[in-house]
C-alpha atoms as a PDB file:
ATOM      1  CA  MET A   1    -211.852  22.725 101.012  1.00  0.00           C
ATOM      2  CA  ASP A   2    -214.178  20.194  99.348  1.00  0.00           C
ATOM      3  CA  LEU A   3    -212.227  18.859  96.364  1.00  0.00           C
ATOM      4  CA  ALA A   4    -215.359  17.312  94.781  1.00  0.00           C
ATOM      5  CA  LEU A   5    -213.824  13.842  94.733  1.00  0.00           C
ATOM      6  CA  ARG A   6    -216.752  12.080  96.390  1.00  0.00           C
ATOM      7  CA  GLY A   7    -217.911   9.141  94.289  1.00  0.00           C
ATOM      8  CA  LYS A   8    -214.662   8.899  92.302  1.00  0.00           C
ATOM      9  CA  VAL A   9    -212.737   5.625  92.046  1.00  0.00           C
ATOM     10  CA  ALA A  10    -208.955   5.749  92.401  1.00  0.00           C
ATOM     11  CA  LEU A  11    -206.198   3.218  91.783  1.00  0.00           C
ATOM     12  CA  ILE A  12    -202.939   3.960  93.599  1.00  0.00           C
ATOM     13  CA  THR A  13    -199.886   1.770  93.049  1.00  0.00           C
ATOM     14  CA  GLY A  14    -197.373   1.297  95.844  1.00  0.00           C
ATOM     15  CA  SER A  15    -200.108   2.246  98.302  1.00  0.00           C
ATOM     16  CA  SER A  16    -199.296   0.028 101.293  1.00  0.00           C
ATOM     17  CA  ARG A  17    -197.027   2.629 102.921  1.00  0.00           C
ATOM     18  CA  GLY A  18    -195.314   5.989 102.539  1.00  0.00           C
ATOM     19  CA  ILE A  19    -196.486   8.468  99.921  1.00  0.00           C
ATOM     20  CA  GLY A  20    -198.823   5.988  98.216  1.00  0.00           C
ATOM     21  CA  ARG A  21    -200.628   5.243 101.464  1.00  0.00           C
ATOM     22  CA  ALA A  22    -200.897   8.933 102.303  1.00  0.00           C
ATOM     23  CA  ILE A  23    -202.433   9.667  98.879  1.00  0.00           C
ATOM     24  CA  ALA A  24    -204.867   6.754  99.279  1.00  0.00           C
ATOM     25  CA  GLU A  25    -205.963   7.931 102.709  1.00  0.00           C
ATOM     26  CA  MET A  26    -206.264  11.544 101.544  1.00  0.00           C
ATOM     27  CA  LEU A  27    -208.446  10.601  98.562  1.00  0.00           C
ATOM     28  CA  ALA A  28    -210.541   8.301 100.761  1.00  0.00           C
ATOM     29  CA  ARG A  29    -211.151  11.163 103.204  1.00  0.00           C
ATOM     30  CA  GLU A  30    -212.379  13.176 100.217  1.00  0.00           C
ATOM     31  CA  GLY A  31    -214.908  10.428  99.471  1.00  0.00           C
ATOM     32  CA  SER A  32    -213.199   8.414  96.725  1.00  0.00           C
ATOM     33  CA  ALA A  33    -213.268   4.612  96.650  1.00  0.00           C
ATOM     34  CA  ILE A  34    -209.757   3.183  96.586  1.00  0.00           C
ATOM     35  CA  MET A  35    -208.031   0.214  94.968  1.00  0.00           C
ATOM     36  CA  LEU A  36    -204.772  -0.382  96.849  1.00  0.00           C
ATOM     37  CA  THR A  37    -201.982  -2.352  95.248  1.00  0.00           C
ATOM     38  CA  GLY A  38    -198.448  -3.378  96.140  1.00  0.00           C
ATOM     39  CA  ARG A  39    -196.316  -6.389  97.008  1.00  0.00           C
ATOM     40  CA  ASP A  40    -196.969  -6.654 100.776  1.00  0.00           C
ATOM     41  CA  ALA A  41    -200.363  -8.241 101.423  1.00  0.00           C
ATOM     42  CA  ALA A  42    -200.329  -7.559 105.167  1.00  0.00           C
ATOM     43  CA  ALA A  43    -199.401  -3.894 104.731  1.00  0.00           C
ATOM     44  CA  LEU A  44    -202.050  -3.436 102.029  1.00  0.00           C
ATOM     45  CA  GLU A  45    -204.721  -4.903 104.277  1.00  0.00           C
ATOM     46  CA  GLU A  46    -203.593  -2.721 107.173  1.00  0.00           C
ATOM     47  CA  THR A  47    -203.991   0.353 104.978  1.00  0.00           C
ATOM     48  CA  ALA A  48    -207.387  -0.847 103.759  1.00  0.00           C
ATOM     49  CA  GLN A  49    -208.564  -1.387 107.340  1.00  0.00           C
ATOM     50  CA  ALA A  50    -207.398   2.122 108.297  1.00  0.00           C
ATOM     51  CA  ILE A  51    -209.472   3.570 105.435  1.00  0.00           C
ATOM     52  CA  ARG A  52    -212.503   1.433 106.276  1.00  0.00           C
ATOM     53  CA  ALA A  53    -212.287   2.415 109.942  1.00  0.00           C
ATOM     54  CA  ARG A  54    -212.958   6.015 108.867  1.00  0.00           C
ATOM     55  CA  GLY A  55    -215.933   4.940 106.768  1.00  0.00           C
ATOM     56  CA  GLY A  56    -214.095   4.706 103.450  1.00  0.00           C
ATOM     57  CA  ASP A  57    -214.261   2.061 100.734  1.00  0.00           C
ATOM     58  CA  ALA A  58    -210.998   0.251  99.998  1.00  0.00           C
ATOM     59  CA  LYS A  59    -210.095  -2.953  98.146  1.00  0.00           C
ATOM     60  CA  THR A  60    -206.671  -4.557  97.745  1.00  0.00           C
ATOM     61  CA  HIS A  61    -204.887  -6.367  94.922  1.00  0.00           C
ATOM     62  CA  LEU A  62    -201.453  -7.921  95.322  1.00  0.00           C
ATOM     63  CA  ALA A  63    -199.222  -7.169  92.319  1.00  0.00           C
ATOM     64  CA  GLU A  64    -195.581  -7.204  91.246  1.00  0.00           C
ATOM     65  CA  LEU A  65    -195.660  -4.558  88.532  1.00  0.00           C
ATOM     66  CA  ARG A  66    -192.307  -5.617  87.075  1.00  0.00           C
ATOM     67  CA  ASP A  67    -194.261  -8.631  85.762  1.00  0.00           C
ATOM     68  CA  GLU A  68    -195.495  -7.747  82.260  1.00  0.00           C
ATOM     69  CA  THR A  69    -198.877  -9.395  82.896  1.00  0.00           C
ATOM     70  CA  ALA A  70    -199.537  -7.628  86.223  1.00  0.00           C
ATOM     71  CA  PRO A  71    -201.000  -4.320  84.911  1.00  0.00           C
ATOM     72  CA  ALA A  72    -203.712  -6.062  82.858  1.00  0.00           C
ATOM     73  CA  ALA A  73    -204.590  -8.310  85.807  1.00  0.00           C
ATOM     74  CA  LEU A  74    -204.769  -5.270  88.077  1.00  0.00           C
ATOM     75  CA  VAL A  75    -207.125  -3.431  85.733  1.00  0.00           C
ATOM     76  CA  ALA A  76    -209.274  -6.574  85.431  1.00  0.00           C
ATOM     77  CA  ALA A  77    -209.526  -6.670  89.244  1.00  0.00           C
ATOM     78  CA  MET A  78    -210.371  -2.960  89.226  1.00  0.00           C
ATOM     79  CA  THR A  79    -213.181  -3.590  86.755  1.00  0.00           C
ATOM     80  CA  ARG A  80    -214.580  -6.499  88.792  1.00  0.00           C
ATOM     81  CA  GLU A  81    -214.525  -4.581  92.071  1.00  0.00           C
ATOM     82  CA  PHE A  82    -215.653  -1.121  90.956  1.00  0.00           C
ATOM     83  CA  GLY A  83    -216.618  -1.212  87.277  1.00  0.00           C
ATOM     84  CA  ARG A  84    -214.893   2.104  86.567  1.00  0.00           C
ATOM     85  CA  LEU A  85    -211.711   4.120  87.098  1.00  0.00           C
ATOM     86  CA  ASP A  86    -211.458   7.890  87.468  1.00  0.00           C
ATOM     87  CA  LEU A  87    -208.008   8.460  88.978  1.00  0.00           C
ATOM     88  CA  LEU A  88    -204.772   6.557  88.365  1.00  0.00           C
ATOM     89  CA  VAL A  89    -201.779   7.376  90.551  1.00  0.00           C
ATOM     90  CA  SER A  90    -198.645   5.540  89.437  1.00  0.00           C
ATOM     91  CA  ASN A  91    -196.512   5.720  92.564  1.00  0.00           C
ATOM     92  CA  ALA A  92    -194.874   2.313  92.971  1.00  0.00           C
ATOM     93  CA  GLY A  93    -191.156   1.926  93.421  1.00  0.00           C
ATOM     94  CA  ALA A  94    -188.086   4.125  93.528  1.00  0.00           C
ATOM     95  CA  THR A  95    -185.040   4.194  91.311  1.00  0.00           C
ATOM     96  CA  LYS A  96    -181.706   3.572  92.996  1.00  0.00           C
ATOM     97  CA  ARG A  97    -179.733   6.724  93.699  1.00  0.00           C
ATOM     98  CA  GLY A  98    -175.980   6.909  93.560  1.00  0.00           C
ATOM     99  CA  ASP A  99    -172.887   7.836  91.625  1.00  0.00           C
ATOM    100  CA  PHE A 100    -173.506   7.533  87.875  1.00  0.00           C
ATOM    101  CA  LEU A 101    -170.260   5.575  87.440  1.00  0.00           C
ATOM    102  CA  GLN A 102    -171.137   3.185  90.261  1.00  0.00           C
ATOM    103  CA  LEU A 103    -174.680   2.270  89.155  1.00  0.00           C
ATOM    104  CA  THR A 104    -174.761  -1.096  87.366  1.00  0.00           C
ATOM    105  CA  ASP A 105    -176.775  -2.179  84.344  1.00  0.00           C
ATOM    106  CA  ALA A 106    -178.933  -4.202  86.737  1.00  0.00           C
ATOM    107  CA  ASP A 107    -179.706  -1.023  88.701  1.00  0.00           C
ATOM    108  CA  TRP A 108    -180.811   0.745  85.527  1.00  0.00           C
ATOM    109  CA  HIS A 109    -182.884  -2.221  84.307  1.00  0.00           C
ATOM    110  CA  ASP A 110    -184.671  -2.497  87.654  1.00  0.00           C
ATOM    111  CA  GLY A 111    -185.401   1.228  87.763  1.00  0.00           C
ATOM    112  CA  PHE A 112    -186.891   1.291  84.277  1.00  0.00           C
ATOM    113  CA  ALA A 113    -188.821  -1.943  84.858  1.00  0.00           C
ATOM    114  CA  LEU A 114    -190.770  -0.456  87.776  1.00  0.00           C
ATOM    115  CA  LYS A 115    -190.724   3.313  87.289  1.00  0.00           C
ATOM    116  CA  PHE A 116    -191.144   3.416  83.504  1.00  0.00           C
ATOM    117  CA  PHE A 117    -192.354   0.236  81.819  1.00  0.00           C
ATOM    118  CA  ALA A 118    -194.760  -0.759  84.591  1.00  0.00           C
ATOM    119  CA  HIS A 119    -196.307   2.709  84.511  1.00  0.00           C
ATOM    120  CA  VAL A 120    -196.615   2.698  80.716  1.00  0.00           C
ATOM    121  CA  ARG A 121    -198.265  -0.743  80.720  1.00  0.00           C
ATOM    122  CA  LEU A 122    -200.661   0.270  83.484  1.00  0.00           C
ATOM    123  CA  ALA A 123    -201.627   3.497  81.720  1.00  0.00           C
ATOM    124  CA  ARG A 124    -202.212   1.557  78.500  1.00  0.00           C
ATOM    125  CA  ALA A 125    -204.327  -1.096  80.265  1.00  0.00           C
ATOM    126  CA  SER A 126    -206.297   1.568  82.173  1.00  0.00           C
ATOM    127  CA  TRP A 127    -206.879   3.846  79.205  1.00  0.00           C
ATOM    128  CA  PRO A 128    -210.385   2.610  78.198  1.00  0.00           C
ATOM    129  CA  LEU A 129    -211.707   3.018  81.747  1.00  0.00           C
ATOM    130  CA  LEU A 130    -210.068   6.425  82.160  1.00  0.00           C
ATOM    131  CA  LYS A 131    -211.296   7.574  78.754  1.00  0.00           C
ATOM    132  CA  ALA A 132    -214.862   6.562  79.622  1.00  0.00           C
ATOM    133  CA  ALA A 133    -214.684   8.511  82.895  1.00  0.00           C
ATOM    134  CA  GLY A 134    -212.765  11.517  81.547  1.00  0.00           C
ATOM    135  CA  GLY A 135    -210.215  10.566  84.171  1.00  0.00           C
ATOM    136  CA  SER A 136    -206.835  11.705  85.418  1.00  0.00           C
ATOM    137  CA  ILE A 137    -203.380  10.154  85.566  1.00  0.00           C
ATOM    138  CA  LEU A 138    -200.741  11.391  87.932  1.00  0.00           C
ATOM    139  CA  ALA A 139    -197.158  10.608  86.795  1.00  0.00           C
ATOM    140  CA  ILE A 140    -197.724   9.226  83.265  1.00  0.00           C
ATOM    141  CA  GLY A 141    -197.706  11.112  79.902  1.00  0.00           C
ATOM    142  CA  GLY A 142    -200.465  10.901  77.292  1.00  0.00           C
ATOM    143  CA  ASP A 143    -203.259  12.805  75.520  1.00  0.00           C
ATOM    144  CA  GLY A 144    -207.002  13.254  75.976  1.00  0.00           C
ATOM    145  CA  ILE A 145    -206.640  12.646  79.703  1.00  0.00           C
ATOM    146  CA  GLN A 146    -205.336  15.070  82.324  1.00  0.00           C
ATOM    147  CA  VAL A 147    -201.697  14.183  82.989  1.00  0.00           C
ATOM    148  CA  ASN A 148    -199.248  15.626  85.520  1.00  0.00           C
ATOM    149  CA  THR A 149    -196.174  14.529  87.443  1.00  0.00           C
ATOM    150  CA  ILE A 150    -195.063  15.289  90.985  1.00  0.00           C
ATOM    151  CA  HIS A 151    -191.322  15.060  91.560  1.00  0.00           C
ATOM    152  CA  PRO A 152    -190.884  14.777  95.357  1.00  0.00           C
ATOM    153  CA  GLY A 153    -187.623  15.526  97.087  1.00  0.00           C
ATOM    154  CA  HIS A 154    -186.530  13.668 100.218  1.00  0.00           C
ATOM    155  CA  VAL A 155    -189.637  12.515 102.073  1.00  0.00           C
ATOM    156  CA  ASP A 156    -189.662  11.044 105.594  1.00  0.00           C
ATOM    157  CA  THR A 157    -190.871   7.543 104.732  1.00  0.00           C
ATOM    158  CA  ASP A 158    -190.042   4.048 106.004  1.00  0.00           C
ATOM    159  CA  ARG A 159    -187.570   3.676 103.123  1.00  0.00           C
ATOM    160  CA  MET A 160    -185.780   6.885 104.071  1.00  0.00           C
ATOM    161  CA  ARG A 161    -185.605   5.877 107.730  1.00  0.00           C
ATOM    162  CA  ARG A 162    -183.989   2.584 106.773  1.00  0.00           C
ATOM    163  CA  GLN A 163    -181.324   4.623 104.991  1.00  0.00           C
ATOM    164  CA  MET A 164    -180.950   6.815 108.071  1.00  0.00           C
ATOM    165  CA  ARG A 165    -180.386   3.737 110.266  1.00  0.00           C
ATOM    166  CA  GLN A 166    -177.472   2.753 108.044  1.00  0.00           C
ATOM    167  CA  ARG A 167    -176.001   6.219 108.537  1.00  0.00           C
ATOM    168  CA  MET A 168    -176.606   6.001 112.299  1.00  0.00           C
ATOM    169  CA  GLU A 169    -174.380   2.933 112.514  1.00  0.00           C
ATOM    170  CA  LYS A 170    -171.479   5.062 111.292  1.00  0.00           C
ATOM    171  CA  SER A 171    -172.314   8.391 112.941  1.00  0.00           C
ATOM    172  CA  GLY A 172    -173.461   7.223 116.378  1.00  0.00           C
ATOM    173  CA  LEU A 173    -176.348   9.728 116.269  1.00  0.00           C
ATOM    174  CA  ASP A 174    -179.920   8.924 117.274  1.00  0.00           C
ATOM    175  CA  MET A 175    -182.684   9.077 114.656  1.00  0.00           C
ATOM    176  CA  ALA A 176    -183.764  12.661 115.367  1.00  0.00           C
ATOM    177  CA  ALA A 177    -180.186  13.938 115.254  1.00  0.00           C
ATOM    178  CA  GLN A 178    -179.412  11.955 112.099  1.00  0.00           C
ATOM    179  CA  ILE A 179    -182.475  13.356 110.317  1.00  0.00           C
ATOM    180  CA  GLU A 180    -181.496  16.873 111.385  1.00  0.00           C
ATOM    181  CA  ALA A 181    -177.964  16.319 110.054  1.00  0.00           C
ATOM    182  CA  TYR A 182    -179.458  15.079 106.774  1.00  0.00           C
ATOM    183  CA  ARG A 183    -181.733  18.133 106.595  1.00  0.00           C
ATOM    184  CA  ARG A 184    -178.730  20.428 106.953  1.00  0.00           C
ATOM    185  CA  GLU A 185    -176.864  18.429 104.318  1.00  0.00           C
ATOM    186  CA  LEU A 186    -179.767  18.910 101.876  1.00  0.00           C
ATOM    187  CA  ASN A 187    -180.123  22.589 102.884  1.00  0.00           C
ATOM    188  CA  VAL A 188    -183.923  22.460 103.190  1.00  0.00           C
ATOM    189  CA  PRO A 189    -186.166  23.872 105.964  1.00  0.00           C
ATOM    190  CA  ARG A 190    -187.447  20.373 106.775  1.00  0.00           C
ATOM    191  CA  LEU A 191    -187.791  16.963 105.180  1.00  0.00           C
ATOM    192  CA  GLY A 192    -191.008  16.344 103.319  1.00  0.00           C
ATOM    193  CA  LEU A 193    -193.875  14.329 104.749  1.00  0.00           C
ATOM    194  CA  PRO A 194    -196.039  11.849 102.827  1.00  0.00           C
ATOM    195  CA  ASP A 195    -199.056  14.070 103.514  1.00  0.00           C
ATOM    196  CA  ASP A 196    -197.326  16.994 101.767  1.00  0.00           C
ATOM    197  CA  VAL A 197    -197.301  15.020  98.528  1.00  0.00           C
ATOM    198  CA  ALA A 198    -200.738  13.532  99.189  1.00  0.00           C
ATOM    199  CA  ALA A 199    -202.352  16.957  99.612  1.00  0.00           C
ATOM    200  CA  LEU A 200    -200.917  18.179  96.302  1.00  0.00           C
ATOM    201  CA  ALA A 201    -201.947  14.928  94.595  1.00  0.00           C
ATOM    202  CA  ALA A 202    -205.519  15.231  95.896  1.00  0.00           C
ATOM    203  CA  PHE A 203    -205.775  18.801  94.578  1.00  0.00           C
ATOM    204  CA  ILE A 204    -204.371  17.893  91.145  1.00  0.00           C
ATOM    205  CA  LEU A 205    -206.713  14.923  90.839  1.00  0.00           C
ATOM    206  CA  SER A 206    -209.766  16.916  91.916  1.00  0.00           C
ATOM    207  CA  PRO A 207    -211.977  19.022  89.602  1.00  0.00           C
ATOM    208  CA  ARG A 208    -210.412  22.112  91.197  1.00  0.00           C
ATOM    209  CA  GLY A 209    -207.046  21.096  89.725  1.00  0.00           C
ATOM    210  CA  ARG A 210    -208.396  20.048  86.355  1.00  0.00           C
ATOM    211  CA  TRP A 211    -206.941  23.057  84.512  1.00  0.00           C
ATOM    212  CA  LEU A 212    -203.411  21.939  85.405  1.00  0.00           C
ATOM    213  CA  HIS A 213    -202.074  19.743  82.611  1.00  0.00           C
ATOM    214  CA  GLY A 214    -198.712  18.563  81.336  1.00  0.00           C
ATOM    215  CA  ALA A 215    -196.881  19.866  84.408  1.00  0.00           C
ATOM    216  CA  THR A 216    -193.964  18.451  86.348  1.00  0.00           C
ATOM    217  CA  ILE A 217    -194.108  19.928  89.837  1.00  0.00           C
ATOM    218  CA  ILE A 218    -190.900  19.814  91.870  1.00  0.00           C
ATOM    219  CA  MET A 219    -191.848  19.519  95.536  1.00  0.00           C
ATOM    220  CA  ASP A 220    -188.618  19.403  97.511  1.00  0.00           C
ATOM    221  CA  GLY A 221    -188.470  22.382  99.885  1.00  0.00           C
ATOM    222  CA  GLY A 222    -185.892  24.131  97.743  1.00  0.00           C
ATOM    223  CA  GLU A 223    -183.377  21.259  97.542  1.00  0.00           C
ATOM    224  CA  ILE A 224    -182.951  21.861  93.789  1.00  0.00           C
ATOM    225  CA  GLU A 225    -181.891  25.459  93.195  1.00  0.00           C
ATOM    226  CA  MET A 226    -184.095  27.193  90.654  1.00  0.00           C
ATOM    227  CA  LEU A 227    -182.213  29.737  88.518  1.00  0.00           C
END
């Protein structure tokens, strides 16, 4: 299906690996130019080279979005490189999971710094460009611009596999067996893949998904029971 994304310009945060990289590569395959951003310069460049190798257009900008000045600098780089912005995907970071009584104030501050305040600042800094393009934001609330949120369940990413290695040290299982044990624990048919989220993101961000607005889509294979 042609999602009519050719010629669009997309900014994806946390796009050096995992879900962010999958979304970047998916949008690039659909013909969008991509601004990649994250904290790992080598990983960002590797992703950019993978996109360019398939004939896509990708630029990189190193950013620590917990820094209050980083969103404005990122949008300035976006303007210099592309002169416009159609699609903003705020993907960077993950909040720490755990027992409510065990999470510290520092855990909460870090989670809000990256998953809330950084996204708000970036949406605010990007707003003029998005408004001019009639653009879309995925994961941030607002008005006058299409806004939706994807809430992924457990996705088989590098971060998740690091967690599985910690479990392997205790269980003695190999990676495949540990992932299968985790799948049974979650009671889902399989763990998610970055491309699962990327395919949904590409549809939402495309003109074909334009009528979807103000939605939070839970994509977790049935992990959360819906009553």
